[in-house]
Each structure stands twice: as structure tokens, then as C-alpha cells.
């Protein structure tokens, strides 16, 4: 994984080994991952623990697959579960 500074920007060393034509893509992927990871996603609908957060076909598992630790069905105070992607 490319080195990044505390603001998530590519370090000079990382820029040396990411081809110039791929740097824009690397920035896009970073932004997508930041908006997805460390957050709950009610827009994904109902999340059934032990089903939707299990590989290989659980919808929460698949949705959070770009986050380093994946995701799980997080229980909220009123008893419902939402897909939550780990940090």
C-alpha cells in the first residue's frame, strides 16, 4: 500500500512507484475508501448478522470489501442492524 501522510495524500516516495497515469485513480480510490470505511451505511438496507456480513456473498461483506478490515452488521439501540465498514 502506498505511503500517505496524516492527511491521506501520497508521499513523495509513493509517487515514485505509482505511474503518473494511475495517480488520479489512486486519489479517487482513497476518497471512495474514506467515505465508505469507518461509517455505517443505512442506504444498503437491512443487514442480517451472520448472513449479510459473511464471505463470499454477503452484501455488507461485498460492499465493505475495499476497506482494510471489511465490515459487519452493526446493531443500533432500537434493535435494527446496518452495514458498518471498519476503519
PDB file of N, CA and C in Angstrom:
ATOM      1  N   UNK A   1       0.849  -1.171   0.000  1.00  0.00           N
ATOM      2  CA  UNK A   1       0.000   0.000   0.000  1.00  0.00           C
ATOM      3  C   UNK A   1       0.897   1.237   0.000  1.00  0.00           C
ATOM      4  N   UNK A   2       0.602   2.209  -0.806  1.00  0.00           N
ATOM      5  CA  UNK A   2       1.423   3.414  -0.878  1.00  0.00           C
ATOM      6  C   UNK A   2       1.447   4.160   0.445  1.00  0.00           C
ATOM      7  N   UNK A   3       2.590   4.777   0.715  1.00  0.00           N
ATOM      8  CA  UNK A   3       2.715   5.604   1.916  1.00  0.00           C
ATOM      9  C   UNK A   3       1.898   6.868   1.752  1.00  0.00           C
ATOM     10  N   UNK A   4       1.255   7.291   2.846  1.00  0.00           N
ATOM     11  CA  UNK A   4       0.454   8.512   2.829  1.00  0.00           C
ATOM     12  C   UNK A   4       0.810   9.339   4.055  1.00  0.00           C
ATOM     13  N   UNK A   5       0.638  10.640   3.944  1.00  0.00           N
ATOM     14  CA  UNK A   5       0.867  11.492   5.108  1.00  0.00           C
ATOM     15  C   UNK A   5      -0.386  11.486   5.981  1.00  0.00           C
ATOM     16  N   UNK A   6      -0.377  12.259   7.069  1.00  0.00           N
ATOM     17  CA  UNK A   6      -1.514  12.248   8.002  1.00  0.00           C
ATOM     18  C   UNK A   6      -2.804  12.772   7.385  1.00  0.00           C
ATOM     19  N   UNK A   7      -2.720  13.455   6.248  1.00  0.00           N
ATOM     20  CA  UNK A   7      -3.915  13.948   5.561  1.00  0.00           C
ATOM     21  C   UNK A   7      -4.366  13.004   4.453  1.00  0.00           C
ATOM     22  N   UNK A   8      -3.700  11.856   4.315  1.00  0.00           N
ATOM     23  CA  UNK A   8      -4.085  10.875   3.313  1.00  0.00           C
ATOM     24  C   UNK A   8      -3.504  11.116   1.936  1.00  0.00           C
ATOM     25  N   UNK A   9      -2.623  12.115   1.800  1.00  0.00           N
ATOM     26  CA  UNK A   9      -2.025  12.387   0.497  1.00  0.00           C
ATOM     27  C   UNK A   9      -0.849  11.448   0.274  1.00  0.00           C
ATOM     28  N   UNK A  10      -0.582  11.127  -0.990  1.00  0.00           N
ATOM     29  CA  UNK A  10       0.535  10.256  -1.320  1.00  0.00           C
ATOM     30  C   UNK A  10       1.850  10.927  -0.952  1.00  0.00           C
ATOM     31  N   UNK A  11       2.752  10.146  -0.368  1.00  0.00           N
ATOM     32  CA  UNK A  11       4.067  10.676  -0.026  1.00  0.00           C
ATOM     33  C   UNK A  11       4.911  10.783  -1.293  1.00  0.00           C
ATOM     34  N   UNK A  12       5.988  11.562  -1.245  1.00  0.00           N
ATOM     35  CA  UNK A  12       6.873  11.641  -2.417  1.00  0.00           C
ATOM     36  C   UNK A  12       7.392  10.271  -2.824  1.00  0.00           C
ATOM     37  N   UNK A  13       7.701   9.413  -1.846  1.00  0.00           N
ATOM     38  CA  UNK A  13       8.186   8.069  -2.160  1.00  0.00           C
ATOM     39  C   UNK A  13       7.124   7.260  -2.902  1.00  0.00           C
ATOM     40  N   UNK A  14       5.873   7.360  -2.466  1.00  0.00           N
ATOM     41  CA  UNK A  14       4.789   6.629  -3.124  1.00  0.00           C
ATOM     42  C   UNK A  14       4.606   7.111  -4.551  1.00  0.00           C
ATOM     43  N   UNK A  15       4.753   8.416  -4.757  1.00  0.00           N
ATOM     44  CA  UNK A  15       4.589   8.957  -6.108  1.00  0.00           C
ATOM     45  C   UNK A  15       5.641   8.410  -7.058  1.00  0.00           C
ATOM     46  N   UNK A  16       6.802   7.999  -6.513  1.00  0.00           N
ATOM     47  CA  UNK A  16       7.861   7.438  -7.350  1.00  0.00           C
ATOM     48  C   UNK A  16       7.467   6.093  -7.948  1.00  0.00           C
ATOM     49  N   UNK A  17       6.673   5.300  -7.235  1.00  0.00           N
ATOM     50  CA  UNK A  17       6.347   3.986  -7.774  1.00  0.00           C
ATOM     51  C   UNK A  17       4.909   3.850  -8.262  1.00  0.00           C
ATOM     52  N   UNK A  18       4.120   4.891  -8.216  1.00  0.00           N
ATOM     53  CA  UNK A  18       2.799   4.873  -8.849  1.00  0.00           C
ATOM     54  C   UNK A  18       2.931   5.612 -10.173  1.00  0.00           C
ATOM     55  N   UNK A  19       2.712   4.897 -11.289  1.00  0.00           N
ATOM     56  CA  UNK A  19       2.836   5.559 -12.590  1.00  0.00           C
ATOM     57  C   UNK A  19       1.958   6.803 -12.656  1.00  0.00           C
ATOM     58  N   UNK A  20       2.460   7.817 -13.323  1.00  0.00           N
ATOM     59  CA  UNK A  20       1.772   9.106 -13.401  1.00  0.00           C
ATOM     60  C   UNK A  20       0.322   8.949 -13.850  1.00  0.00           C
ATOM     61  N   UNK A  21       0.077   8.073 -14.833  1.00  0.00           N
ATOM     62  CA  UNK A  21      -1.282   7.905 -15.358  1.00  0.00           C
ATOM     63  C   UNK A  21      -2.227   7.259 -14.340  1.00  0.00           C
ATOM     64  N   UNK A  22      -1.694   6.646 -13.285  1.00  0.00           N
ATOM     65  CA  UNK A  22      -2.533   5.993 -12.274  1.00  0.00           C
ATOM     66  C   UNK A  22      -2.720   6.826 -11.009  1.00  0.00           C
ATOM     67  N   UNK A  23      -2.055   7.959 -10.890  1.00  0.00           N
ATOM     68  CA  UNK A  23      -2.143   8.762  -9.659  1.00  0.00           C
ATOM     69  C   UNK A  23      -3.543   9.317  -9.431  1.00  0.00           C
ATOM     70  N   UNK A  24      -4.213   9.726 -10.491  1.00  0.00           N
ATOM     71  CA  UNK A  24      -5.578  10.237 -10.335  1.00  0.00           C
ATOM     72  C   UNK A  24      -6.488   9.129  -9.827  1.00  0.00           C
ATOM     73  N   UNK A  25      -6.321   7.922 -10.360  1.00  0.00           N
ATOM     74  CA  UNK A  25      -7.107   6.778  -9.910  1.00  0.00           C
ATOM     75  C   UNK A  25      -6.816   6.485  -8.438  1.00  0.00           C
ATOM     76  N   UNK A  26      -5.543   6.554  -8.036  1.00  0.00           N
ATOM     77  CA  UNK A  26      -5.179   6.301  -6.639  1.00  0.00           C
ATOM     78  C   UNK A  26      -5.870   7.302  -5.719  1.00  0.00           C
ATOM     79  N   UNK A  27      -5.961   8.555  -6.112  1.00  0.00           N
ATOM     80  CA  UNK A  27      -6.638   9.567  -5.298  1.00  0.00           C
ATOM     81  C   UNK A  27      -8.128   9.285  -5.207  1.00  0.00           C
ATOM     82  N   UNK A  28      -8.745   8.873  -6.323  1.00  0.00           N
ATOM     83  CA  UNK A  28     -10.170   8.549  -6.338  1.00  0.00           C
ATOM     84  C   UNK A  28     -10.456   7.373  -5.414  1.00  0.00           C
ATOM     85  N   UNK A  29      -9.643   6.331  -5.498  1.00  0.00           N
ATOM     86  CA  UNK A  29      -9.843   5.153  -4.656  1.00  0.00           C
ATOM     87  C   UNK A  29      -9.725   5.541  -3.190  1.00  0.00           C
ATOM     88  N   UNK A  30      -8.763   6.400  -2.852  1.00  0.00           N
ATOM     89  CA  UNK A  30      -8.592   6.857  -1.476  1.00  0.00           C
ATOM     90  C   UNK A  30      -9.847   7.577  -0.995  1.00  0.00           C
ATOM     91  N   UNK A  31     -10.392   8.483  -1.811  1.00  0.00           N
ATOM     92  CA  UNK A  31     -11.585   9.232  -1.417  1.00  0.00           C
ATOM     93  C   UNK A  31     -12.773   8.304  -1.239  1.00  0.00           C
ATOM     94  N   UNK A  32     -12.924   7.318  -2.133  1.00  0.00           N
ATOM     95  CA  UNK A  32     -14.023   6.366  -2.030  1.00  0.00           C
ATOM     96  C   UNK A  32     -13.898   5.552  -0.746  1.00  0.00           C
ATOM     97  N   UNK A  33     -12.692   5.091  -0.458  1.00  0.00           N
ATOM     98  CA  UNK A  33     -12.479   4.292   0.743  1.00  0.00           C
ATOM     99  C   UNK A  33     -12.725   5.118   1.997  1.00  0.00           C
ATOM    100  N   UNK A  34     -12.300   6.375   2.012  1.00  0.00           N
ATOM    101  CA  UNK A  34     -12.511   7.219   3.188  1.00  0.00           C
ATOM    102  C   UNK A  34     -13.989   7.456   3.454  1.00  0.00           C
ATOM    103  N   UNK A  35     -14.786   7.597   2.411  1.00  0.00           N
ATOM    104  CA  UNK A  35     -16.209   7.833   2.609  1.00  0.00           C
ATOM    105  C   UNK A  35     -16.939   6.549   3.003  1.00  0.00           C
ATOM    106  N   UNK A  36     -16.385   5.414   2.653  1.00  0.00           N
ATOM    107  CA  UNK A  36     -17.015   4.131   2.935  1.00  0.00           C
ATOM    108  C   UNK A  36     -16.559   3.571   4.282  1.00  0.00           C
ATOM    109  N   UNK A  37     -15.260   3.546   4.507  1.00  0.00           N
ATOM    110  CA  UNK A  37     -14.707   2.943   5.716  1.00  0.00           C
ATOM    111  C   UNK A  37     -15.002   3.815   6.939  1.00  0.00           C
ATOM    112  N   UNK A  38     -15.113   3.172   8.082  1.00  0.00           N
ATOM    113  CA  UNK A  38     -15.366   3.840   9.374  1.00  0.00           C
ATOM    114  C   UNK A  38     -16.764   4.444   9.453  1.00  0.00           C
ATOM    115  N   UNK A  39     -17.674   3.981   8.637  1.00  0.00           N
ATOM    116  CA  UNK A  39     -19.026   4.541   8.614  1.00  0.00           C
ATOM    117  C   UNK A  39     -20.079   3.446   8.507  1.00  0.00           C
ATOM    118  N   UNK A  40     -21.281   3.774   8.978  1.00  0.00           N
ATOM    119  CA  UNK A  40     -22.449   2.910   8.776  1.00  0.00           C
ATOM    120  C   UNK A  40     -23.134   3.330   7.489  1.00  0.00           C
ATOM    121  N   UNK A  41     -23.829   2.386   6.872  1.00  0.00           N
ATOM    122  CA  UNK A  41     -24.434   2.636   5.569  1.00  0.00           C
ATOM    123  C   UNK A  41     -25.889   2.167   5.529  1.00  0.00           C
ATOM    124  N   UNK A  42     -26.795   2.988   6.082  1.00  0.00           N
ATOM    125  CA  UNK A  42     -28.214   2.619   6.077  1.00  0.00           C
ATOM    126  C   UNK A  42     -28.767   2.485   4.662  1.00  0.00           C
ATOM    127  N   UNK A  43     -28.130   3.145   3.697  1.00  0.00           N
ATOM    128  CA  UNK A  43     -28.595   3.050   2.306  1.00  0.00           C
ATOM    129  C   UNK A  43     -28.450   1.639   1.745  1.00  0.00           C
ATOM    130  N   UNK A  44     -27.698   0.778   2.439  1.00  0.00           N
ATOM    131  CA  UNK A  44     -27.544  -0.609   2.000  1.00  0.00           C
ATOM    132  C   UNK A  44     -28.731  -1.477   2.426  1.00  0.00           C
ATOM    133  N   UNK A  45     -29.623  -0.913   3.224  1.00  0.00           N
ATOM    134  CA  UNK A  45     -30.820  -1.644   3.637  1.00  0.00           C
ATOM    135  C   UNK A  45     -30.570  -2.540   4.839  1.00  0.00           C
ATOM    136  N   UNK A  46     -31.523  -3.430   5.085  1.00  0.00           N
ATOM    137  CA  UNK A  46     -31.464  -4.342   6.229  1.00  0.00           C
ATOM    138  C   UNK A  46     -30.195  -5.188   6.166  1.00  0.00           C
ATOM    139  N   UNK A  47     -29.568  -5.398   7.310  1.00  0.00           N
ATOM    140  CA  UNK A  47     -28.343  -6.191   7.391  1.00  0.00           C
ATOM    141  C   UNK A  47     -28.571  -7.314   8.399  1.00  0.00           C
ATOM    142  N   UNK A  48     -28.496  -8.539   7.959  1.00  0.00           N
ATOM    143  CA  UNK A  48     -28.719  -9.691   8.828  1.00  0.00           C
ATOM    144  C   UNK A  48     -27.382 -10.243   9.312  1.00  0.00           C
ATOM    145  N   UNK A  49     -27.086 -10.115  10.617  1.00  0.00           N
ATOM    146  CA  UNK A  49     -25.820 -10.625  11.143  1.00  0.00           C
ATOM    147  C   UNK A  49     -25.677 -12.122  10.880  1.00  0.00           C
ATOM    148  N   UNK A  50     -24.470 -12.527  10.533  1.00  0.00           N
ATOM    149  CA  UNK A  50     -24.218 -13.929  10.246  1.00  0.00           C
ATOM    150  C   UNK A  50     -24.637 -14.346   8.854  1.00  0.00           C
ATOM    151  N   UNK A  51     -25.227 -13.445   8.116  1.00  0.00           N
ATOM    152  CA  UNK A  51     -25.632 -13.734   6.734  1.00  0.00           C
ATOM    153  C   UNK A  51     -25.074 -12.677   5.782  1.00  0.00           C
ATOM    154  N   UNK A  52     -25.424 -11.418   6.021  1.00  0.00           N
ATOM    155  CA  UNK A  52     -25.004 -10.344   5.119  1.00  0.00           C
ATOM    156  C   UNK A  52     -23.566  -9.887   5.347  1.00  0.00           C
ATOM    157  N   UNK A  53     -22.959 -10.276   6.473  1.00  0.00           N
ATOM    158  CA  UNK A  53     -21.580  -9.866   6.740  1.00  0.00           C
ATOM    159  C   UNK A  53     -20.580 -11.026   6.629  1.00  0.00           C
ATOM    160  N   UNK A  54     -20.996 -12.103   5.984  1.00  0.00           N
ATOM    161  CA  UNK A  54     -20.160 -13.293   5.844  1.00  0.00           C
ATOM    162  C   UNK A  54     -19.714 -13.466   4.386  1.00  0.00           C
ATOM    163  N   UNK A  55     -18.414 -13.786   4.173  1.00  0.00           N
ATOM    164  CA  UNK A  55     -17.952 -14.060   2.809  1.00  0.00           C
ATOM    165  C   UNK A  55     -18.547 -15.368   2.306  1.00  0.00           C
ATOM    166  N   UNK A  56     -18.670 -15.600   1.039  1.00  0.00           N
ATOM    167  CA  UNK A  56     -18.215 -14.726  -0.035  1.00  0.00           C
ATOM    168  C   UNK A  56     -19.307 -13.833  -0.617  1.00  0.00           C
ATOM    169  N   UNK A  57     -20.572 -14.037  -0.222  1.00  0.00           N
ATOM    170  CA  UNK A  57     -21.654 -13.344  -0.928  1.00  0.00           C
ATOM    171  C   UNK A  57     -22.493 -12.378  -0.097  1.00  0.00           C
ATOM    172  N   UNK A  58     -22.169 -12.193   1.166  1.00  0.00           N
ATOM    173  CA  UNK A  58     -22.954 -11.272   1.985  1.00  0.00           C
ATOM    174  C   UNK A  58     -22.869  -9.856   1.437  1.00  0.00           C
ATOM    175  N   UNK A  59     -24.013  -9.164   1.334  1.00  0.00           N
ATOM    176  CA  UNK A  59     -23.989  -7.850   0.675  1.00  0.00           C
ATOM    177  C   UNK A  59     -23.168  -6.832   1.463  1.00  0.00           C
ATOM    178  N   UNK A  60     -23.170  -6.882   2.785  1.00  0.00           N
ATOM    179  CA  UNK A  60     -22.343  -5.959   3.570  1.00  0.00           C
ATOM    180  C   UNK A  60     -20.865  -6.328   3.411  1.00  0.00           C
ATOM    181  N   UNK A  61     -20.578  -7.609   3.414  1.00  0.00           N
ATOM    182  CA  UNK A  61     -19.200  -8.068   3.194  1.00  0.00           C
ATOM    183  C   UNK A  61     -18.678  -7.555   1.854  1.00  0.00           C
ATOM    184  N   UNK A  62     -19.474  -7.695   0.821  1.00  0.00           N
ATOM    185  CA  UNK A  62     -19.056  -7.248  -0.515  1.00  0.00           C
ATOM    186  C   UNK A  62     -18.931  -5.732  -0.576  1.00  0.00           C
ATOM    187  N   UNK A  63     -19.881  -5.020   0.018  1.00  0.00           N
ATOM    188  CA  UNK A  63     -19.861  -3.561  -0.013  1.00  0.00           C
ATOM    189  C   UNK A  63     -18.609  -3.015   0.674  1.00  0.00           C
ATOM    190  N   UNK A  64     -18.203  -3.620   1.781  1.00  0.00           N
ATOM    191  CA  UNK A  64     -17.062  -3.124   2.562  1.00  0.00           C
ATOM    192  C   UNK A  64     -15.737  -3.777   2.173  1.00  0.00           C
ATOM    193  N   UNK A  65     -15.714  -4.544   1.125  1.00  0.00           N
ATOM    194  CA  UNK A  65     -14.500  -5.280   0.773  1.00  0.00           C
ATOM    195  C   UNK A  65     -13.321  -4.382   0.423  1.00  0.00           C
ATOM    196  N   UNK A  66     -13.558  -3.112   0.079  1.00  0.00           N
ATOM    197  CA  UNK A  66     -12.437  -2.213  -0.222  1.00  0.00           C
ATOM    198  C   UNK A  66     -11.834  -1.594   1.040  1.00  0.00           C
ATOM    199  N   UNK A  67     -12.437  -1.829   2.191  1.00  0.00           N
ATOM    200  CA  UNK A  67     -11.890  -1.340   3.461  1.00  0.00           C
ATOM    201  C   UNK A  67     -10.947  -2.407   4.020  1.00  0.00           C
ATOM    202  N   UNK A  68      -9.847  -1.990   4.653  1.00  0.00           N
ATOM    203  CA  UNK A  68      -8.838  -2.957   5.101  1.00  0.00           C
ATOM    204  C   UNK A  68      -9.372  -4.084   5.978  1.00  0.00           C
ATOM    205  N   UNK A  69     -10.351  -3.797   6.839  1.00  0.00           N
ATOM    206  CA  UNK A  69     -10.858  -4.819   7.755  1.00  0.00           C
ATOM    207  C   UNK A  69     -12.243  -5.319   7.384  1.00  0.00           C
ATOM    208  N   UNK A  70     -12.804  -4.865   6.271  1.00  0.00           N
ATOM    209  CA  UNK A  70     -14.126  -5.316   5.861  1.00  0.00           C
ATOM    210  C   UNK A  70     -15.239  -4.628   6.630  1.00  0.00           C
ATOM    211  N   UNK A  71     -16.326  -5.364   6.864  1.00  0.00           N
ATOM    212  CA  UNK A  71     -17.468  -4.769   7.537  1.00  0.00           C
ATOM    213  C   UNK A  71     -18.294  -5.796   8.283  1.00  0.00           C
ATOM    214  N   UNK A  72     -19.310  -5.315   8.991  1.00  0.00           N
ATOM    215  CA  UNK A  72     -20.191  -6.201   9.750  1.00  0.00           C
ATOM    216  C   UNK A  72     -21.556  -5.542   9.896  1.00  0.00           C
ATOM    217  N   UNK A  73     -22.529  -6.310  10.351  1.00  0.00           N
ATOM    218  CA  UNK A  73     -23.868  -5.788  10.606  1.00  0.00           C
ATOM    219  C   UNK A  73     -23.891  -5.248  12.034  1.00  0.00           C
ATOM    220  N   UNK A  74     -23.947  -3.935  12.158  1.00  0.00           N
ATOM    221  CA  UNK A  74     -23.885  -3.265  13.458  1.00  0.00           C
ATOM    222  C   UNK A  74     -25.288  -3.076  14.017  1.00  0.00           C
ATOM    223  N   UNK A  75     -25.473  -3.457  15.281  1.00  0.00           N
ATOM    224  CA  UNK A  75     -26.770  -3.324  15.944  1.00  0.00           C
ATOM    225  C   UNK A  75     -26.895  -1.934  16.550  1.00  0.00           C
ATOM    226  N   UNK A  76     -28.035  -1.321  16.347  1.00  0.00           N
ATOM    227  CA  UNK A  76     -28.322   0.001  16.903  1.00  0.00           C
ATOM    228  C   UNK A  76     -29.317  -0.133  18.046  1.00  0.00           C
ATOM    229  N   UNK A  77     -29.455   0.925  18.835  1.00  0.00           N
ATOM    230  CA  UNK A  77     -30.263   0.924  20.048  1.00  0.00           C
ATOM    231  C   UNK A  77     -31.684   0.430  19.883  1.00  0.00           C
ATOM    232  N   UNK A  78     -32.285   0.703  18.744  1.00  0.00           N
ATOM    233  CA  UNK A  78     -33.672   0.278  18.545  1.00  0.00           C
ATOM    234  C   UNK A  78     -33.777  -1.156  18.030  1.00  0.00           C
ATOM    235  N   UNK A  79     -32.628  -1.859  17.939  1.00  0.00           N
ATOM    236  CA  UNK A  79     -32.635  -3.267  17.548  1.00  0.00           C
ATOM    237  C   UNK A  79     -32.379  -3.542  16.080  1.00  0.00           C
ATOM    238  N   UNK A  80     -32.382  -2.522  15.239  1.00  0.00           N
ATOM    239  CA  UNK A  80     -32.121  -2.776  13.821  1.00  0.00           C
ATOM    240  C   UNK A  80     -30.610  -2.849  13.568  1.00  0.00           C
ATOM    241  N   UNK A  81     -30.233  -3.472  12.465  1.00  0.00           N
ATOM    242  CA  UNK A  81     -28.834  -3.613  12.080  1.00  0.00           C
ATOM    243  C   UNK A  81     -28.583  -2.890  10.766  1.00  0.00           C
ATOM    244  N   UNK A  82     -27.412  -2.256  10.674  1.00  0.00           N
ATOM    245  CA  UNK A  82     -26.974  -1.599   9.439  1.00  0.00           C
ATOM    246  C   UNK A  82     -25.578  -2.087   9.102  1.00  0.00           C
ATOM    247  N   UNK A  83     -25.286  -2.071   7.825  1.00  0.00           N
ATOM    248  CA  UNK A  83     -23.945  -2.407   7.373  1.00  0.00           C
ATOM    249  C   UNK A  83     -22.988  -1.312   7.855  1.00  0.00           C
ATOM    250  N   UNK A  84     -21.910  -1.719   8.519  1.00  0.00           N
ATOM    251  CA  UNK A  84     -20.895  -0.777   9.007  1.00  0.00           C
ATOM    252  C   UNK A  84     -19.535  -1.270   8.536  1.00  0.00           C
ATOM    253  N   UNK A  85     -18.797  -0.403   7.854  1.00  0.00           N
ATOM    254  CA  UNK A  85     -17.458  -0.747   7.378  1.00  0.00           C
ATOM    255  C   UNK A  85     -16.433  -0.342   8.428  1.00  0.00           C
ATOM    256  N   UNK A  86     -15.568  -1.281   8.770  1.00  0.00           N
ATOM    257  CA  UNK A  86     -14.492  -0.991   9.720  1.00  0.00           C
ATOM    258  C   UNK A  86     -13.538   0.052   9.152  1.00  0.00           C
ATOM    259  N   UNK A  87     -12.735   0.648  10.045  1.00  0.00           N
ATOM    260  CA  UNK A  87     -11.704   1.620   9.642  1.00  0.00           C
ATOM    261  C   UNK A  87     -10.508   0.897   9.042  1.00  0.00           C
TER     262      UNK A  87
END
